[in-house]
Amino acid sequence: MIDSWLLSYIIVSIMIVLIPGQDMLFVLTQSISSGNKAGIKTVLGSITGTLVHTILAAAGLSIIFQKSIVAFNILKFVGVIYLLYLAIQSFREKGTIALQPQNGSSRGYFKKGMIMNLSNPKVAIFFLTFLPQFVDPTRGHAGVQMLLFGFIFILETLIIFTIISIFASKLGERMTGSNLFMRGLKYFKGTAFGSLGLKLLLSSK
């Protein structure tokens, strides 16, 4: 039997993973346009970023982004620039769906997924504020508990995002050859990333 203390965290964290965000959107669009392999690499990059956030939160370092407006804004502007860069790239794409990325090029999806995750200061603050809510002082070291919660969150993200990637890549395969779909996907990606960039730019702590 799973302890009710841990079960409550699992339920809540799964609900949070299911909430659409920029990481999920990025996995979805990359899987549709470039296939399941690209989608999975994007997922692995994203959860690597989540691992970094987990370690920082457990060590208490994420508080820097919560307390320092300068640190928060620096990371925020990095995220904004990167999202706008992705938006421009999307608008400039040719109207083709490359379901089989060329050898070597697929490594870029991992890096993009990780940068997408790491360059969002709100993720760091989220882990710093969300994980401690489930820490039970009677159960030992708070940092160790936060690491456990982080690893559970990573595992849930891996499973859910992988399922999304598989279904999205199947959709991409079915729509291969549809010029209308490919043009629509290109503009959807560009608009979505541009909107996320502007939303992040206008956000505050």
N, C-alpha and C. Protein backbone atom coordinates (compact mmCIF):
# COMPACT_ATOMS: atom_id res chain seq x y z
N MET A 1 0.84 -1.20 0.00
CA MET A 1 0.00 0.00 0.00
C MET A 1 0.87 1.25 0.00
N ILE A 2 0.50 2.24 -0.82
CA ILE A 2 1.21 3.51 -0.85
C ILE A 2 0.70 4.38 0.29
N ASP A 3 1.61 4.93 1.05
CA ASP A 3 1.26 5.82 2.15
C ASP A 3 0.38 6.97 1.63
N SER A 4 -0.64 7.35 2.40
CA SER A 4 -1.56 8.41 1.98
C SER A 4 -0.81 9.73 1.77
N TRP A 5 0.24 9.95 2.54
CA TRP A 5 1.08 11.14 2.40
C TRP A 5 1.69 11.21 1.01
N LEU A 6 2.18 10.07 0.53
CA LEU A 6 2.80 10.01 -0.79
C LEU A 6 1.74 9.95 -1.89
N LEU A 7 0.64 9.27 -1.61
CA LEU A 7 -0.43 9.13 -2.60
C LEU A 7 -1.04 10.49 -2.94
N SER A 8 -1.20 11.33 -1.94
CA SER A 8 -1.78 12.65 -2.19
C SER A 8 -0.87 13.47 -3.10
N TYR A 9 0.43 13.35 -2.89
CA TYR A 9 1.37 14.06 -3.76
C TYR A 9 1.30 13.53 -5.19
N ILE A 10 1.24 12.22 -5.35
CA ILE A 10 1.20 11.61 -6.68
C ILE A 10 -0.03 12.09 -7.45
N ILE A 11 -1.16 12.12 -6.80
CA ILE A 11 -2.41 12.54 -7.45
C ILE A 11 -2.32 14.00 -7.89
N VAL A 12 -1.90 14.86 -6.98
CA VAL A 12 -1.83 16.29 -7.28
C VAL A 12 -0.79 16.56 -8.38
N SER A 13 0.37 15.91 -8.29
CA SER A 13 1.43 16.16 -9.27
C SER A 13 1.05 15.66 -10.66
N ILE A 14 0.30 14.56 -10.75
CA ILE A 14 -0.17 14.08 -12.05
C ILE A 14 -1.11 15.11 -12.67
N MET A 15 -1.97 15.68 -11.84
CA MET A 15 -2.90 16.71 -12.35
C MET A 15 -2.13 17.91 -12.88
N ILE A 16 -1.04 18.26 -12.21
CA ILE A 16 -0.23 19.40 -12.64
C ILE A 16 0.48 19.08 -13.95
N VAL A 17 1.01 17.87 -14.09
CA VAL A 17 1.70 17.47 -15.33
C VAL A 17 0.74 17.54 -16.51
N LEU A 18 -0.54 17.21 -16.26
CA LEU A 18 -1.54 17.18 -17.33
C LEU A 18 -1.98 18.57 -17.78
N ILE A 19 -1.66 19.60 -16.97
CA ILE A 19 -2.02 20.96 -17.37
C ILE A 19 -1.14 21.40 -18.53
N PRO A 20 -1.72 21.78 -19.67
CA PRO A 20 -0.90 22.17 -20.83
C PRO A 20 0.00 23.37 -20.52
N GLY A 21 1.25 23.24 -20.86
CA GLY A 21 2.22 24.31 -20.67
C GLY A 21 3.17 24.36 -21.85
N GLN A 22 4.20 25.21 -21.77
CA GLN A 22 5.08 25.36 -22.92
C GLN A 22 5.90 24.11 -23.20
N ASP A 23 6.25 23.34 -22.16
CA ASP A 23 7.00 22.10 -22.40
C ASP A 23 6.13 21.08 -23.13
N MET A 24 4.87 20.94 -22.68
CA MET A 24 3.96 20.00 -23.33
C MET A 24 3.70 20.42 -24.78
N LEU A 25 3.51 21.72 -24.98
CA LEU A 25 3.27 22.23 -26.33
C LEU A 25 4.46 21.95 -27.23
N PHE A 26 5.66 22.12 -26.70
CA PHE A 26 6.86 21.89 -27.49
C PHE A 26 7.00 20.41 -27.87
N VAL A 27 6.74 19.53 -26.93
CA VAL A 27 6.78 18.08 -27.21
C VAL A 27 5.74 17.74 -28.27
N LEU A 28 4.55 18.30 -28.13
CA LEU A 28 3.45 18.03 -29.06
C LEU A 28 3.82 18.44 -30.48
N THR A 29 4.29 19.67 -30.64
CA THR A 29 4.59 20.18 -31.99
C THR A 29 5.79 19.49 -32.61
N GLN A 30 6.81 19.20 -31.80
CA GLN A 30 7.98 18.51 -32.35
C GLN A 30 7.64 17.09 -32.78
N SER A 31 6.76 16.44 -32.02
CA SER A 31 6.36 15.07 -32.36
C SER A 31 5.55 15.04 -33.64
N ILE A 32 4.63 16.01 -33.80
CA ILE A 32 3.81 16.06 -35.00
C ILE A 32 4.67 16.34 -36.23
N SER A 33 5.56 17.31 -36.10
CA SER A 33 6.31 17.76 -37.27
C SER A 33 7.53 16.91 -37.59
N SER A 34 8.13 16.26 -36.55
CA SER A 34 9.39 15.55 -36.79
C SER A 34 9.38 14.10 -36.34
N GLY A 35 8.28 13.60 -35.84
CA GLY A 35 8.18 12.19 -35.50
C GLY A 35 8.44 11.86 -34.05
N ASN A 36 8.20 10.60 -33.69
CA ASN A 36 8.27 10.17 -32.30
C ASN A 36 9.68 10.24 -31.73
N LYS A 37 10.69 9.95 -32.55
CA LYS A 37 12.07 10.00 -32.07
C LYS A 37 12.42 11.41 -31.60
N ALA A 38 12.04 12.40 -32.40
CA ALA A 38 12.29 13.79 -32.01
C ALA A 38 11.50 14.15 -30.77
N GLY A 39 10.26 13.66 -30.68
CA GLY A 39 9.43 13.95 -29.52
C GLY A 39 10.01 13.37 -28.24
N ILE A 40 10.49 12.13 -28.31
CA ILE A 40 11.06 11.49 -27.12
C ILE A 40 12.32 12.21 -26.68
N LYS A 41 13.15 12.61 -27.63
CA LYS A 41 14.37 13.35 -27.27
C LYS A 41 14.02 14.69 -26.63
N THR A 42 12.96 15.31 -27.11
CA THR A 42 12.50 16.56 -26.51
C THR A 42 12.02 16.31 -25.08
N VAL A 43 11.31 15.21 -24.86
CA VAL A 43 10.85 14.84 -23.52
C VAL A 43 12.04 14.63 -22.59
N LEU A 44 13.05 13.91 -23.06
CA LEU A 44 14.23 13.63 -22.23
C LEU A 44 14.96 14.92 -21.88
N GLY A 45 15.02 15.85 -22.83
CA GLY A 45 15.63 17.14 -22.55
C GLY A 45 14.85 17.91 -21.50
N SER A 46 13.52 17.86 -21.62
CA SER A 46 12.66 18.58 -20.68
C SER A 46 12.80 18.04 -19.25
N ILE A 47 12.79 16.72 -19.10
CA ILE A 47 12.88 16.16 -17.76
C ILE A 47 14.29 16.32 -17.18
N THR A 48 15.30 16.45 -18.05
CA THR A 48 16.65 16.76 -17.55
C THR A 48 16.65 18.15 -16.91
N GLY A 49 15.95 19.08 -17.56
CA GLY A 49 15.80 20.40 -16.97
C GLY A 49 15.05 20.35 -15.65
N THR A 50 14.02 19.51 -15.59
CA THR A 50 13.25 19.34 -14.36
C THR A 50 14.12 18.77 -13.25
N LEU A 51 15.03 17.86 -13.60
CA LEU A 51 15.96 17.30 -12.62
C LEU A 51 16.84 18.39 -12.01
N VAL A 52 17.31 19.29 -12.87
CA VAL A 52 18.13 20.40 -12.38
C VAL A 52 17.32 21.27 -11.41
N HIS A 53 16.07 21.58 -11.79
CA HIS A 53 15.21 22.39 -10.92
C HIS A 53 14.96 21.68 -9.59
N THR A 54 14.81 20.37 -9.64
CA THR A 54 14.57 19.60 -8.41
C THR A 54 15.76 19.68 -7.47
N ILE A 55 16.95 19.51 -8.03
CA ILE A 55 18.17 19.57 -7.21
C ILE A 55 18.35 20.96 -6.62
N LEU A 56 18.09 21.99 -7.42
CA LEU A 56 18.22 23.36 -6.93
C LEU A 56 17.21 23.65 -5.81
N ALA A 57 15.98 23.15 -6.00
CA ALA A 57 14.95 23.35 -4.98
C ALA A 57 15.31 22.62 -3.69
N ALA A 58 15.80 21.39 -3.81
CA ALA A 58 16.18 20.61 -2.63
C ALA A 58 17.33 21.25 -1.88
N ALA A 59 18.24 21.89 -2.65
CA ALA A 59 19.39 22.55 -2.04
C ALA A 59 19.06 23.96 -1.56
N GLY A 60 17.86 24.44 -1.90
CA GLY A 60 17.46 25.77 -1.49
C GLY A 60 17.96 26.88 -2.40
N LEU A 61 18.60 26.53 -3.52
CA LEU A 61 19.18 27.54 -4.41
C LEU A 61 18.14 28.24 -5.26
N SER A 62 17.00 27.58 -5.48
CA SER A 62 15.96 28.20 -6.30
C SER A 62 15.39 29.46 -5.66
N ILE A 63 15.66 29.61 -4.36
CA ILE A 63 15.14 30.80 -3.68
C ILE A 63 15.76 32.07 -4.24
N ILE A 64 16.92 31.92 -4.91
CA ILE A 64 17.57 33.07 -5.53
C ILE A 64 16.62 33.72 -6.53
N PHE A 65 15.95 32.89 -7.34
CA PHE A 65 15.04 33.41 -8.36
C PHE A 65 13.77 33.97 -7.75
N GLN A 66 13.44 33.53 -6.54
CA GLN A 66 12.25 34.04 -5.87
C GLN A 66 12.54 35.36 -5.17
N LYS A 67 13.74 35.49 -4.62
CA LYS A 67 14.08 36.68 -3.84
C LYS A 67 14.74 37.78 -4.67
N SER A 68 15.46 37.39 -5.73
CA SER A 68 16.21 38.37 -6.51
C SER A 68 15.47 38.71 -7.80
N ILE A 69 15.01 39.94 -7.91
CA ILE A 69 14.32 40.37 -9.12
C ILE A 69 15.26 40.39 -10.30
N VAL A 70 16.55 40.69 -10.04
CA VAL A 70 17.54 40.73 -11.12
C VAL A 70 17.75 39.34 -11.71
N ALA A 71 17.96 38.34 -10.84
CA ALA A 71 18.16 36.96 -11.30
C ALA A 71 16.93 36.45 -12.04
N PHE A 72 15.75 36.76 -11.49
CA PHE A 72 14.50 36.34 -12.11
C PHE A 72 14.37 36.93 -13.51
N ASN A 73 14.64 38.23 -13.64
CA ASN A 73 14.48 38.90 -14.93
C ASN A 73 15.51 38.44 -15.95
N ILE A 74 16.72 38.18 -15.51
CA ILE A 74 17.75 37.69 -16.43
C ILE A 74 17.32 36.37 -17.06
N LEU A 75 16.89 35.44 -16.20
CA LEU A 75 16.46 34.13 -16.71
C LEU A 75 15.19 34.27 -17.53
N LYS A 76 14.30 35.19 -17.11
CA LYS A 76 13.07 35.40 -17.86
C LYS A 76 13.36 35.89 -19.27
N PHE A 77 14.27 36.85 -19.41
CA PHE A 77 14.57 37.39 -20.73
C PHE A 77 15.28 36.36 -21.61
N VAL A 78 16.07 35.48 -20.99
CA VAL A 78 16.67 34.38 -21.75
C VAL A 78 15.57 33.49 -22.31
N GLY A 79 14.57 33.18 -21.48
CA GLY A 79 13.45 32.36 -21.92
C GLY A 79 12.64 33.03 -23.00
N VAL A 80 12.42 34.35 -22.86
CA VAL A 80 11.66 35.10 -23.87
C VAL A 80 12.37 35.07 -25.21
N ILE A 81 13.67 35.37 -25.18
CA ILE A 81 14.47 35.38 -26.42
C ILE A 81 14.44 34.02 -27.09
N TYR A 82 14.56 32.95 -26.28
CA TYR A 82 14.57 31.61 -26.86
C TYR A 82 13.22 31.25 -27.47
N LEU A 83 12.13 31.61 -26.80
CA LEU A 83 10.80 31.32 -27.34
C LEU A 83 10.54 32.10 -28.62
N LEU A 84 10.95 33.36 -28.66
CA LEU A 84 10.77 34.15 -29.87
C LEU A 84 11.65 33.62 -31.00
N TYR A 85 12.83 33.12 -30.65
CA TYR A 85 13.71 32.50 -31.65
C TYR A 85 13.03 31.27 -32.25
N LEU A 86 12.41 30.44 -31.39
CA LEU A 86 11.69 29.27 -31.88
C LEU A 86 10.51 29.67 -32.75
N ALA A 87 9.84 30.77 -32.38
CA ALA A 87 8.71 31.25 -33.17
C ALA A 87 9.16 31.66 -34.57
N ILE A 88 10.26 32.39 -34.64
CA ILE A 88 10.79 32.83 -35.94
C ILE A 88 11.21 31.62 -36.77
N GLN A 89 11.88 30.68 -36.11
CA GLN A 89 12.28 29.45 -36.82
C GLN A 89 11.08 28.72 -37.39
N SER A 90 10.00 28.66 -36.61
CA SER A 90 8.79 27.96 -37.06
C SER A 90 8.19 28.63 -38.28
N PHE A 91 8.10 29.96 -38.26
CA PHE A 91 7.53 30.69 -39.39
C PHE A 91 8.38 30.53 -40.65
N ARG A 92 9.69 30.31 -40.47
CA ARG A 92 10.59 30.20 -41.62
C ARG A 92 10.73 28.77 -42.14
N GLU A 93 10.10 27.80 -41.44
CA GLU A 93 10.19 26.41 -41.88
C GLU A 93 9.57 26.22 -43.25
N LYS A 94 10.12 25.27 -43.99
CA LYS A 94 9.50 24.86 -45.24
C LYS A 94 8.26 24.04 -44.91
N GLY A 95 7.33 24.03 -45.80
CA GLY A 95 6.08 23.31 -45.55
C GLY A 95 6.20 21.83 -45.73
N THR A 96 7.10 21.21 -44.98
CA THR A 96 7.30 19.76 -45.07
C THR A 96 7.33 19.18 -43.68
N ILE A 97 6.98 17.92 -43.58
CA ILE A 97 7.05 17.20 -42.31
C ILE A 97 8.16 16.17 -42.42
N ALA A 98 9.19 16.34 -41.59
CA ALA A 98 10.33 15.43 -41.62
C ALA A 98 10.19 14.41 -40.51
N LEU A 99 9.52 13.33 -40.82
CA LEU A 99 9.25 12.35 -39.78
C LEU A 99 10.49 11.57 -39.38
N GLN A 100 11.52 11.59 -40.19
CA GLN A 100 12.76 10.91 -39.87
C GLN A 100 13.89 11.92 -39.89
N PRO A 101 14.22 12.55 -38.74
CA PRO A 101 15.28 13.53 -38.72
C PRO A 101 16.60 12.93 -39.19
N GLN A 102 17.44 13.73 -39.82
CA GLN A 102 18.72 13.25 -40.29
C GLN A 102 19.59 12.90 -39.09
N ASN A 103 20.56 11.98 -39.31
CA ASN A 103 21.45 11.57 -38.24
C ASN A 103 22.18 12.79 -37.68
N GLY A 104 22.20 12.89 -36.36
CA GLY A 104 22.88 13.99 -35.71
C GLY A 104 21.95 15.14 -35.41
N SER A 105 21.01 15.43 -36.33
CA SER A 105 20.12 16.56 -36.11
C SER A 105 19.17 16.31 -34.96
N SER A 106 18.86 15.04 -34.69
CA SER A 106 17.91 14.72 -33.63
C SER A 106 18.46 15.06 -32.25
N ARG A 107 19.80 15.19 -32.13
CA ARG A 107 20.37 15.56 -30.84
C ARG A 107 19.93 16.96 -30.43
N GLY A 108 19.62 17.79 -31.41
CA GLY A 108 19.19 19.15 -31.11
C GLY A 108 17.89 19.21 -30.37
N TYR A 109 17.02 18.20 -30.53
CA TYR A 109 15.74 18.20 -29.85
C TYR A 109 15.91 18.07 -28.34
N PHE A 110 16.88 17.26 -27.92
CA PHE A 110 17.17 17.12 -26.49
C PHE A 110 17.61 18.46 -25.92
N LYS A 111 18.51 19.13 -26.62
CA LYS A 111 19.02 20.42 -26.14
C LYS A 111 17.90 21.46 -26.10
N LYS A 112 17.06 21.47 -27.13
CA LYS A 112 15.96 22.44 -27.16
C LYS A 112 14.99 22.19 -26.01
N GLY A 113 14.67 20.91 -25.75
CA GLY A 113 13.77 20.58 -24.65
C GLY A 113 14.32 21.01 -23.31
N MET A 114 15.63 20.81 -23.12
CA MET A 114 16.26 21.18 -21.85
C MET A 114 16.31 22.70 -21.68
N ILE A 115 16.69 23.42 -22.75
CA ILE A 115 16.74 24.88 -22.67
C ILE A 115 15.36 25.45 -22.41
N MET A 116 14.35 24.89 -23.08
CA MET A 116 12.98 25.34 -22.89
C MET A 116 12.59 25.27 -21.41
N ASN A 117 12.97 24.19 -20.76
CA ASN A 117 12.62 23.99 -19.36
C ASN A 117 13.45 24.87 -18.43
N LEU A 118 14.76 24.90 -18.66
CA LEU A 118 15.66 25.63 -17.76
C LEU A 118 15.50 27.13 -17.85
N SER A 119 15.10 27.64 -19.00
CA SER A 119 15.03 29.09 -19.19
C SER A 119 13.73 29.70 -18.70
N ASN A 120 12.90 28.90 -18.03
CA ASN A 120 11.65 29.41 -17.47
C ASN A 120 11.80 29.57 -15.95
N PRO A 121 11.99 30.80 -15.46
CA PRO A 121 12.20 31.00 -14.02
C PRO A 121 11.01 30.58 -13.18
N LYS A 122 9.82 30.57 -13.78
CA LYS A 122 8.63 30.19 -13.01
C LYS A 122 8.65 28.70 -12.66
N VAL A 123 9.38 27.89 -13.44
CA VAL A 123 9.50 26.48 -13.10
C VAL A 123 10.32 26.33 -11.82
N ALA A 124 11.41 27.10 -11.73
CA ALA A 124 12.25 27.06 -10.53
C ALA A 124 11.45 27.47 -9.30
N ILE A 125 10.69 28.55 -9.42
CA ILE A 125 9.89 29.02 -8.29
C ILE A 125 8.76 28.04 -7.97
N PHE A 126 8.20 27.42 -9.03
CA PHE A 126 7.14 26.44 -8.82
C PHE A 126 7.63 25.29 -7.94
N PHE A 127 8.81 24.76 -8.26
CA PHE A 127 9.33 23.64 -7.48
C PHE A 127 9.66 24.07 -6.06
N LEU A 128 10.14 25.30 -5.90
CA LEU A 128 10.49 25.79 -4.58
C LEU A 128 9.26 25.97 -3.71
N THR A 129 8.12 26.32 -4.32
CA THR A 129 6.90 26.57 -3.55
C THR A 129 5.98 25.35 -3.48
N PHE A 130 6.04 24.48 -4.50
CA PHE A 130 5.12 23.34 -4.56
C PHE A 130 5.62 22.16 -3.73
N LEU A 131 6.86 21.76 -3.92
CA LEU A 131 7.37 20.57 -3.24
C LEU A 131 7.34 20.67 -1.71
N PRO A 132 7.73 21.82 -1.13
CA PRO A 132 7.74 21.90 0.34
C PRO A 132 6.37 21.71 0.99
N GLN A 133 5.30 21.94 0.23
CA GLN A 133 3.96 21.77 0.80
C GLN A 133 3.69 20.34 1.23
N PHE A 134 4.43 19.39 0.64
CA PHE A 134 4.21 17.97 0.94
C PHE A 134 5.29 17.40 1.86
N VAL A 135 6.24 18.23 2.25
CA VAL A 135 7.30 17.77 3.14
C VAL A 135 6.74 17.56 4.55
N ASP A 136 7.01 16.39 5.10
CA ASP A 136 6.58 16.05 6.46
C ASP A 136 7.81 16.06 7.37
N PRO A 137 7.94 17.03 8.26
CA PRO A 137 9.13 17.13 9.12
C PRO A 137 9.37 15.89 9.96
N THR A 138 8.33 15.11 10.23
CA THR A 138 8.49 13.91 11.06
C THR A 138 9.10 12.75 10.30
N ARG A 139 9.25 12.91 8.98
CA ARG A 139 9.73 11.80 8.15
C ARG A 139 11.20 11.94 7.75
N GLY A 140 11.88 12.91 8.32
CA GLY A 140 13.31 13.01 8.02
C GLY A 140 13.68 14.27 7.28
N HIS A 141 14.85 14.24 6.65
CA HIS A 141 15.44 15.40 5.99
C HIS A 141 14.54 15.94 4.88
N ALA A 142 14.24 17.24 4.95
CA ALA A 142 13.34 17.86 3.97
C ALA A 142 13.91 17.81 2.56
N GLY A 143 15.23 18.01 2.42
CA GLY A 143 15.85 17.98 1.10
C GLY A 143 15.71 16.63 0.42
N VAL A 144 15.84 15.56 1.20
CA VAL A 144 15.70 14.20 0.65
C VAL A 144 14.27 13.97 0.18
N GLN A 145 13.30 14.44 0.97
CA GLN A 145 11.90 14.30 0.59
C GLN A 145 11.61 15.06 -0.70
N MET A 146 12.17 16.26 -0.83
CA MET A 146 11.96 17.06 -2.03
C MET A 146 12.58 16.39 -3.25
N LEU A 147 13.72 15.74 -3.06
CA LEU A 147 14.33 14.99 -4.17
C LEU A 147 13.41 13.84 -4.58
N LEU A 148 12.84 13.15 -3.60
CA LEU A 148 11.90 12.06 -3.89
C LEU A 148 10.70 12.57 -4.67
N PHE A 149 10.14 13.70 -4.22
CA PHE A 149 9.00 14.28 -4.92
C PHE A 149 9.38 14.67 -6.35
N GLY A 150 10.57 15.23 -6.49
CA GLY A 150 11.04 15.63 -7.82
C GLY A 150 11.19 14.46 -8.76
N PHE A 151 11.75 13.37 -8.27
CA PHE A 151 11.92 12.18 -9.11
C PHE A 151 10.57 11.58 -9.50
N ILE A 152 9.61 11.61 -8.59
CA ILE A 152 8.26 11.13 -8.92
C ILE A 152 7.66 12.01 -10.02
N PHE A 153 7.82 13.32 -9.88
CA PHE A 153 7.31 14.26 -10.87
C PHE A 153 7.95 14.01 -12.23
N ILE A 154 9.25 13.75 -12.23
CA ILE A 154 9.98 13.46 -13.48
C ILE A 154 9.44 12.19 -14.12
N LEU A 155 9.23 11.15 -13.33
CA LEU A 155 8.72 9.88 -13.85
C LEU A 155 7.33 10.07 -14.44
N GLU A 156 6.48 10.81 -13.75
CA GLU A 156 5.13 11.07 -14.26
C GLU A 156 5.19 11.85 -15.57
N THR A 157 6.07 12.85 -15.62
CA THR A 157 6.22 13.64 -16.84
C THR A 157 6.72 12.78 -17.99
N LEU A 158 7.68 11.92 -17.71
CA LEU A 158 8.22 11.03 -18.74
C LEU A 158 7.13 10.15 -19.33
N ILE A 159 6.31 9.55 -18.49
CA ILE A 159 5.25 8.65 -18.95
C ILE A 159 4.20 9.41 -19.75
N ILE A 160 3.70 10.51 -19.18
CA ILE A 160 2.60 11.26 -19.81
C ILE A 160 3.06 11.91 -21.11
N PHE A 161 4.23 12.55 -21.09
CA PHE A 161 4.73 13.21 -22.29
C PHE A 161 5.10 12.21 -23.39
N THR A 162 5.56 11.03 -23.00
CA THR A 162 5.88 10.00 -23.99
C THR A 162 4.60 9.54 -24.70
N ILE A 163 3.53 9.36 -23.93
CA ILE A 163 2.25 8.98 -24.52
C ILE A 163 1.77 10.06 -25.49
N ILE A 164 1.90 11.32 -25.08
CA ILE A 164 1.52 12.43 -25.95
C ILE A 164 2.35 12.43 -27.22
N SER A 165 3.65 12.18 -27.08
CA SER A 165 4.54 12.15 -28.24
C SER A 165 4.16 11.05 -29.22
N ILE A 166 3.82 9.88 -28.70
CA ILE A 166 3.45 8.76 -29.56
C ILE A 166 2.20 9.08 -30.37
N PHE A 167 1.17 9.59 -29.69
CA PHE A 167 -0.07 9.91 -30.39
C PHE A 167 0.10 11.08 -31.36
N ALA A 168 0.90 12.07 -30.95
CA ALA A 168 1.13 13.22 -31.82
C ALA A 168 1.90 12.82 -33.07
N SER A 169 2.88 11.94 -32.92
CA SER A 169 3.66 11.50 -34.09
C SER A 169 2.78 10.68 -35.04
N LYS A 170 1.84 9.93 -34.49
CA LYS A 170 0.91 9.18 -35.34
C LYS A 170 0.04 10.13 -36.15
N LEU A 171 -0.37 11.23 -35.51
CA LEU A 171 -1.14 12.25 -36.21
C LEU A 171 -0.31 12.85 -37.34
N GLY A 172 0.96 13.13 -37.05
CA GLY A 172 1.84 13.67 -38.06
C GLY A 172 2.00 12.73 -39.25
N GLU A 173 2.11 11.44 -38.96
CA GLU A 173 2.24 10.44 -40.03
C GLU A 173 0.99 10.41 -40.91
N ARG A 174 -0.16 10.51 -40.27
CA ARG A 174 -1.42 10.47 -41.03
C ARG A 174 -1.59 11.70 -41.92
N MET A 175 -1.04 12.82 -41.46
CA MET A 175 -1.24 14.07 -42.19
C MET A 175 -0.10 14.39 -43.15
N THR A 176 0.88 13.49 -43.24
CA THR A 176 1.98 13.71 -44.18
C THR A 176 1.43 13.86 -45.60
N GLY A 177 1.87 14.88 -46.28
CA GLY A 177 1.41 15.11 -47.65
C GLY A 177 0.30 16.12 -47.75
N SER A 178 -0.26 16.51 -46.62
CA SER A 178 -1.32 17.52 -46.63
C SER A 178 -0.69 18.91 -46.53
N ASN A 179 -0.65 19.64 -47.62
CA ASN A 179 -0.04 20.97 -47.62
C ASN A 179 -0.77 21.92 -46.67
N LEU A 180 -2.08 21.80 -46.61
CA LEU A 180 -2.86 22.66 -45.74
C LEU A 180 -2.50 22.42 -44.28
N PHE A 181 -2.40 21.14 -43.91
CA PHE A 181 -2.05 20.80 -42.53
C PHE A 181 -0.65 21.28 -42.18
N MET A 182 0.29 21.09 -43.10
CA MET A 182 1.67 21.47 -42.83
C MET A 182 1.82 22.98 -42.69
N ARG A 183 1.10 23.72 -43.53
CA ARG A 183 1.16 25.18 -43.40
C ARG A 183 0.51 25.62 -42.10
N GLY A 184 -0.62 24.99 -41.77
CA GLY A 184 -1.30 25.32 -40.52
C GLY A 184 -0.43 25.02 -39.31
N LEU A 185 0.28 23.89 -39.34
CA LEU A 185 1.15 23.50 -38.24
C LEU A 185 2.28 24.51 -38.07
N LYS A 186 2.84 24.94 -39.20
CA LYS A 186 3.94 25.91 -39.15
C LYS A 186 3.50 27.20 -38.48
N TYR A 187 2.34 27.72 -38.89
CA TYR A 187 1.86 28.97 -38.32
C TYR A 187 1.37 28.80 -36.88
N PHE A 188 0.84 27.61 -36.58
CA PHE A 188 0.41 27.34 -35.21
C PHE A 188 1.61 27.33 -34.27
N LYS A 189 2.67 26.65 -34.67
CA LYS A 189 3.88 26.60 -33.85
C LYS A 189 4.45 28.00 -33.64
N GLY A 190 4.57 28.76 -34.71
CA GLY A 190 5.13 30.09 -34.61
C GLY A 190 4.31 31.00 -33.72
N THR A 191 2.99 30.95 -33.91
CA THR A 191 2.10 31.78 -33.10
C THR A 191 2.12 31.35 -31.63
N ALA A 192 2.13 30.05 -31.40
CA ALA A 192 2.12 29.54 -30.03
C ALA A 192 3.39 29.93 -29.28
N PHE A 193 4.55 29.73 -29.90
CA PHE A 193 5.81 30.07 -29.24
C PHE A 193 5.94 31.58 -29.06
N GLY A 194 5.48 32.35 -30.06
CA GLY A 194 5.51 33.79 -29.92
C GLY A 194 4.62 34.26 -28.78
N SER A 195 3.44 33.66 -28.66
CA SER A 195 2.51 34.02 -27.59
C SER A 195 3.07 33.67 -26.23
N LEU A 196 3.71 32.49 -26.14
CA LEU A 196 4.32 32.08 -24.87
C LEU A 196 5.45 33.02 -24.49
N GLY A 197 6.22 33.45 -25.50
CA GLY A 197 7.31 34.39 -25.24
C GLY A 197 6.79 35.71 -24.71
N LEU A 198 5.73 36.24 -25.33
CA LEU A 198 5.15 37.50 -24.88
C LEU A 198 4.52 37.35 -23.49
N LYS A 199 3.89 36.21 -23.26
CA LYS A 199 3.29 35.96 -21.95
C LYS A 199 4.35 35.94 -20.86
N LEU A 200 5.49 35.28 -21.14
CA LEU A 200 6.59 35.24 -20.19
C LEU A 200 7.17 36.63 -19.98
N LEU A 201 7.28 37.40 -21.06
CA LEU A 201 7.83 38.75 -20.97
C LEU A 201 6.99 39.63 -20.05
N LEU A 202 5.67 39.48 -20.13
CA LEU A 202 4.77 40.31 -19.34
C LEU A 202 4.52 39.76 -17.94
N SER A 203 5.09 38.58 -17.66
CA SER A 203 4.84 37.97 -16.36
C SER A 203 5.71 38.59 -15.29
N SER A 204 5.30 38.39 -14.05
CA SER A 204 6.08 38.82 -12.90
C SER A 204 6.16 37.68 -11.92
N LYS A 205 6.97 37.85 -10.88
CA LYS A 205 7.13 36.76 -9.91
C LYS A 205 5.83 36.51 -9.15
